[in-house]
Amino acid sequence: WQRLVLTALEEKTQVGVLTGAPLTDIRITLIGGRAHEKHTEGGDFRQAACRAVRQGLMQTKSILLEP
């Protein structure tokens, strides 16, 4: 399932929460996860990974810096 998470994060362009601009130079650390043999499918990890990144971005104290 780790490969599914990595692939999902590489394929989907992550966007910022303030302006919706594409994010660059970010580091994401996977610290855990688990699957249930009967109730878990590959797509579940893809969705969960993208949802977790979005949730993490929402919890940051982002500041928009204009040039």
PDB file of N, CA and C in Angstrom:
ATOM      1  N   TRP A   1       0.801  -1.205   0.000  1.00  0.00           N
ATOM      2  CA  TRP A   1       0.000   0.000   0.000  1.00  0.00           C
ATOM      3  C   TRP A   1       0.845   1.269   0.000  1.00  0.00           C
ATOM      4  N   GLN A   2       2.093   1.144   0.441  1.00  0.00           N
ATOM      5  CA  GLN A   2       2.960   2.318   0.442  1.00  0.00           C
ATOM      6  C   GLN A   2       3.187   2.837  -0.976  1.00  0.00           C
ATOM      7  N   ARG A   3       3.355   1.914  -1.915  1.00  0.00           N
ATOM      8  CA  ARG A   3       3.575   2.311  -3.306  1.00  0.00           C
ATOM      9  C   ARG A   3       2.342   3.032  -3.860  1.00  0.00           C
ATOM     10  N   LEU A   4       1.141   2.591  -3.484  1.00  0.00           N
ATOM     11  CA  LEU A   4      -0.089   3.248  -3.933  1.00  0.00           C
ATOM     12  C   LEU A   4      -0.168   4.682  -3.415  1.00  0.00           C
ATOM     13  N   VAL A   5       0.219   4.881  -2.176  1.00  0.00           N
ATOM     14  CA  VAL A   5       0.203   6.224  -1.595  1.00  0.00           C
ATOM     15  C   VAL A   5       1.206   7.114  -2.314  1.00  0.00           C
ATOM     16  N   LEU A   6       2.408   6.631  -2.519  1.00  0.00           N
ATOM     17  CA  LEU A   6       3.438   7.412  -3.198  1.00  0.00           C
ATOM     18  C   LEU A   6       3.008   7.771  -4.618  1.00  0.00           C
ATOM     19  N   THR A   7       2.472   6.810  -5.335  1.00  0.00           N
ATOM     20  CA  THR A   7       2.010   7.056  -6.700  1.00  0.00           C
ATOM     21  C   THR A   7       0.901   8.098  -6.726  1.00  0.00           C
ATOM     22  N   ALA A   8      -0.041   7.996  -5.812  1.00  0.00           N
ATOM     23  CA  ALA A   8      -1.154   8.950  -5.762  1.00  0.00           C
ATOM     24  C   ALA A   8      -0.653  10.365  -5.525  1.00  0.00           C
ATOM     25  N   LEU A   9       0.305  10.518  -4.629  1.00  0.00           N
ATOM     26  CA  LEU A   9       0.817  11.852  -4.320  1.00  0.00           C
ATOM     27  C   LEU A   9       1.672  12.416  -5.446  1.00  0.00           C
ATOM     28  N   GLU A  10       2.347  11.552  -6.186  1.00  0.00           N
ATOM     29  CA  GLU A  10       3.157  12.019  -7.314  1.00  0.00           C
ATOM     30  C   GLU A  10       2.284  12.410  -8.500  1.00  0.00           C
ATOM     31  N   GLU A  11       1.197  11.682  -8.723  1.00  0.00           N
ATOM     32  CA  GLU A  11       0.345  11.928  -9.886  1.00  0.00           C
ATOM     33  C   GLU A  11      -0.553  13.146  -9.707  1.00  0.00           C
ATOM     34  N   LYS A  12      -1.046  13.349  -8.512  1.00  0.00           N
ATOM     35  CA  LYS A  12      -1.983  14.446  -8.276  1.00  0.00           C
ATOM     36  C   LYS A  12      -1.210  15.706  -7.916  1.00  0.00           C
ATOM     37  N   THR A  13      -1.494  16.786  -8.615  1.00  0.00           N
ATOM     38  CA  THR A  13      -0.867  18.062  -8.307  1.00  0.00           C
ATOM     39  C   THR A  13      -1.527  18.629  -7.060  1.00  0.00           C
ATOM     40  N   GLN A  14      -0.743  18.826  -6.028  1.00  0.00           N
ATOM     41  CA  GLN A  14      -1.268  19.397  -4.791  1.00  0.00           C
ATOM     42  C   GLN A  14      -1.352  20.908  -4.952  1.00  0.00           C
ATOM     43  N   VAL A  15      -2.445  21.480  -4.487  1.00  0.00           N
ATOM     44  CA  VAL A  15      -2.625  22.929  -4.593  1.00  0.00           C
ATOM     45  C   VAL A  15      -2.746  23.531  -3.202  1.00  0.00           C
ATOM     46  N   GLY A  16      -2.333  24.774  -3.096  1.00  0.00           N
ATOM     47  CA  GLY A  16      -2.384  25.478  -1.821  1.00  0.00           C
ATOM     48  C   GLY A  16      -3.799  25.828  -1.410  1.00  0.00           C
ATOM     49  N   VAL A  17      -3.982  26.094  -0.127  1.00  0.00           N
ATOM     50  CA  VAL A  17      -5.313  26.378   0.402  1.00  0.00           C
ATOM     51  C   VAL A  17      -5.685  27.854   0.299  1.00  0.00           C
ATOM     52  N   LEU A  18      -4.717  28.732   0.140  1.00  0.00           N
ATOM     53  CA  LEU A  18      -5.031  30.158   0.090  1.00  0.00           C
ATOM     54  C   LEU A  18      -5.441  30.625  -1.296  1.00  0.00           C
ATOM     55  N   THR A  19      -4.677  30.235  -2.312  1.00  0.00           N
ATOM     56  CA  THR A  19      -4.963  30.722  -3.664  1.00  0.00           C
ATOM     57  C   THR A  19      -5.242  29.610  -4.662  1.00  0.00           C
ATOM     58  N   GLY A  20      -5.022  28.373  -4.270  1.00  0.00           N
ATOM     59  CA  GLY A  20      -5.221  27.261  -5.199  1.00  0.00           C
ATOM     60  C   GLY A  20      -4.071  27.084  -6.174  1.00  0.00           C
ATOM     61  N   ALA A  21      -2.962  27.758  -5.919  1.00  0.00           N
ATOM     62  CA  ALA A  21      -1.794  27.644  -6.788  1.00  0.00           C
ATOM     63  C   ALA A  21      -1.087  26.315  -6.523  1.00  0.00           C
ATOM     64  N   PRO A  22      -0.456  25.742  -7.549  1.00  0.00           N
ATOM     65  CA  PRO A  22       0.263  24.475  -7.360  1.00  0.00           C
ATOM     66  C   PRO A  22       1.375  24.620  -6.317  1.00  0.00           C
ATOM     67  N   LEU A  23       1.536  23.604  -5.495  1.00  0.00           N
ATOM     68  CA  LEU A  23       2.587  23.601  -4.479  1.00  0.00           C
ATOM     69  C   LEU A  23       3.876  23.054  -5.065  1.00  0.00           C
ATOM     70  N   THR A  24       4.977  23.638  -4.668  1.00  0.00           N
ATOM     71  CA  THR A  24       6.290  23.156  -5.089  1.00  0.00           C
ATOM     72  C   THR A  24       7.165  23.002  -3.858  1.00  0.00           C
ATOM     73  N   ASP A  25       8.179  22.192  -3.991  1.00  0.00           N
ATOM     74  CA  ASP A  25       9.178  22.014  -2.932  1.00  0.00           C
ATOM     75  C   ASP A  25       8.553  21.641  -1.586  1.00  0.00           C
ATOM     76  N   ILE A  26       7.674  20.642  -1.604  1.00  0.00           N
ATOM     77  CA  ILE A  26       7.090  20.173  -0.350  1.00  0.00           C
ATOM     78  C   ILE A  26       7.629  18.786  -0.034  1.00  0.00           C
ATOM     79  N   ARG A  27       7.648  18.469   1.241  1.00  0.00           N
ATOM     80  CA  ARG A  27       8.091  17.154   1.692  1.00  0.00           C
ATOM     81  C   ARG A  27       6.951  16.535   2.496  1.00  0.00           C
ATOM     82  N   ILE A  28       6.602  15.312   2.155  1.00  0.00           N
ATOM     83  CA  ILE A  28       5.538  14.593   2.849  1.00  0.00           C
ATOM     84  C   ILE A  28       6.157  13.341   3.453  1.00  0.00           C
ATOM     85  N   THR A  29       5.903  13.113   4.727  1.00  0.00           N
ATOM     86  CA  THR A  29       6.431  11.946   5.425  1.00  0.00           C
ATOM     87  C   THR A  29       5.290  11.025   5.811  1.00  0.00           C
ATOM     88  N   LEU A  30       5.365   9.786   5.362  1.00  0.00           N
ATOM     89  CA  LEU A  30       4.373   8.775   5.728  1.00  0.00           C
ATOM     90  C   LEU A  30       4.847   8.115   7.015  1.00  0.00           C
ATOM     91  N   ILE A  31       4.046   8.231   8.067  1.00  0.00           N
ATOM     92  CA  ILE A  31       4.471   7.688   9.357  1.00  0.00           C
ATOM     93  C   ILE A  31       3.716   6.428   9.751  1.00  0.00           C
ATOM     94  N   GLY A  32       2.703   6.061   9.004  1.00  0.00           N
ATOM     95  CA  GLY A  32       1.996   4.831   9.350  1.00  0.00           C
ATOM     96  C   GLY A  32       0.784   4.606   8.476  1.00  0.00           C
ATOM     97  N   GLY A  33       0.239   3.445   8.609  1.00  0.00           N
ATOM     98  CA  GLY A  33      -0.959   3.072   7.873  1.00  0.00           C
ATOM     99  C   GLY A  33      -1.213   1.588   8.040  1.00  0.00           C
ATOM    100  N   ARG A  34      -2.419   1.192   7.750  1.00  0.00           N
ATOM    101  CA  ARG A  34      -2.729  -0.232   7.835  1.00  0.00           C
ATOM    102  C   ARG A  34      -3.901  -0.541   6.917  1.00  0.00           C
ATOM    103  N   ALA A  35      -4.014  -1.788   6.560  1.00  0.00           N
ATOM    104  CA  ALA A  35      -5.072  -2.233   5.656  1.00  0.00           C
ATOM    105  C   ALA A  35      -5.829  -3.391   6.286  1.00  0.00           C
ATOM    106  N   HIS A  36      -7.081  -3.496   5.929  1.00  0.00           N
ATOM    107  CA  HIS A  36      -7.899  -4.632   6.333  1.00  0.00           C
ATOM    108  C   HIS A  36      -8.068  -5.486   5.086  1.00  0.00           C
ATOM    109  N   GLU A  37      -7.728  -6.754   5.170  1.00  0.00           N
ATOM    110  CA  GLU A  37      -7.735  -7.627   3.990  1.00  0.00           C
ATOM    111  C   GLU A  37      -9.091  -7.666   3.295  1.00  0.00           C
ATOM    112  N   LYS A  38     -10.151  -7.618   4.039  1.00  0.00           N
ATOM    113  CA  LYS A  38     -11.479  -7.772   3.457  1.00  0.00           C
ATOM    114  C   LYS A  38     -12.090  -6.445   2.997  1.00  0.00           C
ATOM    115  N   HIS A  39     -11.814  -5.363   3.699  1.00  0.00           N
ATOM    116  CA  HIS A  39     -12.528  -4.113   3.454  1.00  0.00           C
ATOM    117  C   HIS A  39     -11.698  -3.011   2.796  1.00  0.00           C
ATOM    118  N   THR A  40     -10.449  -3.264   2.487  1.00  0.00           N
ATOM    119  CA  THR A  40      -9.587  -2.225   1.941  1.00  0.00           C
ATOM    120  C   THR A  40      -9.226  -2.534   0.495  1.00  0.00           C
ATOM    121  N   GLU A  41      -9.326  -1.507  -0.354  1.00  0.00           N
ATOM    122  CA  GLU A  41      -8.929  -1.622  -1.759  1.00  0.00           C
ATOM    123  C   GLU A  41      -7.854  -0.582  -2.045  1.00  0.00           C
ATOM    124  N   GLY A  42      -7.184  -0.733  -3.180  1.00  0.00           N
ATOM    125  CA  GLY A  42      -6.102   0.184  -3.529  1.00  0.00           C
ATOM    126  C   GLY A  42      -6.539   1.628  -3.626  1.00  0.00           C
ATOM    127  N   GLY A  43      -7.715   1.861  -4.170  1.00  0.00           N
ATOM    128  CA  GLY A  43      -8.214   3.225  -4.310  1.00  0.00           C
ATOM    129  C   GLY A  43      -8.439   3.914  -2.980  1.00  0.00           C
ATOM    130  N   ASP A  44      -8.683   3.135  -1.946  1.00  0.00           N
ATOM    131  CA  ASP A  44      -8.886   3.714  -0.617  1.00  0.00           C
ATOM    132  C   ASP A  44      -7.640   4.452  -0.145  1.00  0.00           C
ATOM    133  N   PHE A  45      -6.478   3.891  -0.407  1.00  0.00           N
ATOM    134  CA  PHE A  45      -5.231   4.528   0.008  1.00  0.00           C
ATOM    135  C   PHE A  45      -4.964   5.790  -0.803  1.00  0.00           C
ATOM    136  N   ARG A  46      -5.298   5.758  -2.072  1.00  0.00           N
ATOM    137  CA  ARG A  46      -5.113   6.938  -2.912  1.00  0.00           C
ATOM    138  C   ARG A  46      -5.955   8.098  -2.386  1.00  0.00           C
ATOM    139  N   GLN A  47      -7.213   7.820  -2.105  1.00  0.00           N
ATOM    140  CA  GLN A  47      -8.108   8.857  -1.592  1.00  0.00           C
ATOM    141  C   GLN A  47      -7.659   9.352  -0.222  1.00  0.00           C
ATOM    142  N   ALA A  48      -7.288   8.427   0.639  1.00  0.00           N
ATOM    143  CA  ALA A  48      -6.871   8.798   1.995  1.00  0.00           C
ATOM    144  C   ALA A  48      -5.607   9.653   1.970  1.00  0.00           C
ATOM    145  N   ALA A  49      -4.669   9.335   1.091  1.00  0.00           N
ATOM    146  CA  ALA A  49      -3.427  10.102   1.009  1.00  0.00           C
ATOM    147  C   ALA A  49      -3.702  11.538   0.587  1.00  0.00           C
ATOM    148  N   CYS A  50      -4.503  11.711  -0.436  1.00  0.00           N
ATOM    149  CA  CYS A  50      -4.820  13.061  -0.911  1.00  0.00           C
ATOM    150  C   CYS A  50      -5.618  13.833   0.134  1.00  0.00           C
ATOM    151  N   ARG A  51      -6.529  13.159   0.801  1.00  0.00           N
ATOM    152  CA  ARG A  51      -7.325  13.792   1.852  1.00  0.00           C
ATOM    153  C   ARG A  51      -6.433  14.205   3.030  1.00  0.00           C
ATOM    154  N   ALA A  52      -5.470  13.368   3.376  1.00  0.00           N
ATOM    155  CA  ALA A  52      -4.572  13.670   4.494  1.00  0.00           C
ATOM    156  C   ALA A  52      -3.696  14.881   4.187  1.00  0.00           C
ATOM    157  N   VAL A  53      -3.209  14.979   2.962  1.00  0.00           N
ATOM    158  CA  VAL A  53      -2.391  16.134   2.581  1.00  0.00           C
ATOM    159  C   VAL A  53      -3.230  17.400   2.662  1.00  0.00           C
ATOM    160  N   ARG A  54      -4.429  17.349   2.133  1.00  0.00           N
ATOM    161  CA  ARG A  54      -5.311  18.524   2.161  1.00  0.00           C
ATOM    162  C   ARG A  54      -5.612  18.936   3.608  1.00  0.00           C
ATOM    163  N   GLN A  55      -5.900  17.954   4.451  1.00  0.00           N
ATOM    164  CA  GLN A  55      -6.192  18.242   5.850  1.00  0.00           C
ATOM    165  C   GLN A  55      -4.973  18.860   6.540  1.00  0.00           C
ATOM    166  N   GLY A  56      -3.799  18.338   6.251  1.00  0.00           N
ATOM    167  CA  GLY A  56      -2.579  18.904   6.820  1.00  0.00           C
ATOM    168  C   GLY A  56      -2.351  20.335   6.374  1.00  0.00           C
ATOM    169  N   LEU A  57      -2.618  20.614   5.111  1.00  0.00           N
ATOM    170  CA  LEU A  57      -2.466  21.979   4.605  1.00  0.00           C
ATOM    171  C   LEU A  57      -3.456  22.928   5.271  1.00  0.00           C
ATOM    172  N   MET A  58      -4.652  22.451   5.540  1.00  0.00           N
ATOM    173  CA  MET A  58      -5.667  23.286   6.182  1.00  0.00           C
ATOM    174  C   MET A  58      -5.279  23.620   7.625  1.00  0.00           C
ATOM    175  N   GLN A  59      -4.496  22.760   8.268  1.00  0.00           N
ATOM    176  CA  GLN A  59      -4.120  22.967   9.665  1.00  0.00           C
ATOM    177  C   GLN A  59      -2.891  23.862   9.834  1.00  0.00           C
ATOM    178  N   THR A  60      -2.233  24.193   8.738  1.00  0.00           N
ATOM    179  CA  THR A  60      -1.060  25.067   8.842  1.00  0.00           C
ATOM    180  C   THR A  60      -1.496  26.516   8.994  1.00  0.00           C
ATOM    181  N   LYS A  61      -0.588  27.331   9.443  1.00  0.00           N
ATOM    182  CA  LYS A  61      -0.867  28.764   9.568  1.00  0.00           C
ATOM    183  C   LYS A  61      -0.248  29.462   8.364  1.00  0.00           C
ATOM    184  N   SER A  62      -0.879  29.270   7.220  1.00  0.00           N
ATOM    185  CA  SER A  62      -0.357  29.814   5.970  1.00  0.00           C
ATOM    186  C   SER A  62      -0.549  31.325   5.917  1.00  0.00           C
ATOM    187  N   ILE A  63       0.425  31.984   5.307  1.00  0.00           N
ATOM    188  CA  ILE A  63       0.375  33.429   5.114  1.00  0.00           C
ATOM    189  C   ILE A  63       0.680  33.698   3.648  1.00  0.00           C
ATOM    190  N   LEU A  64      -0.147  34.504   3.013  1.00  0.00           N
ATOM    191  CA  LEU A  64       0.074  34.861   1.621  1.00  0.00           C
ATOM    192  C   LEU A  64       1.034  36.041   1.562  1.00  0.00           C
ATOM    193  N   LEU A  65       2.184  35.826   0.930  1.00  0.00           N
ATOM    194  CA  LEU A  65       3.181  36.879   0.765  1.00  0.00           C
ATOM    195  C   LEU A  65       3.126  37.363  -0.670  1.00  0.00           C
ATOM    196  N   GLU A  66       2.828  38.615  -0.849  1.00  0.00           N
ATOM    197  CA  GLU A  66       2.752  39.173  -2.195  1.00  0.00           C
ATOM    198  C   GLU A  66       4.039  39.931  -2.495  1.00  0.00           C
ATOM    199  N   PRO A  67       4.512  39.824  -3.736  1.00  0.00           N
ATOM    200  CA  PRO A  67       5.760  40.510  -4.097  1.00  0.00           C
ATOM    201  C   PRO A  67       5.595  42.014  -4.153  1.00  0.00           C
TER     202      PRO A  67
END
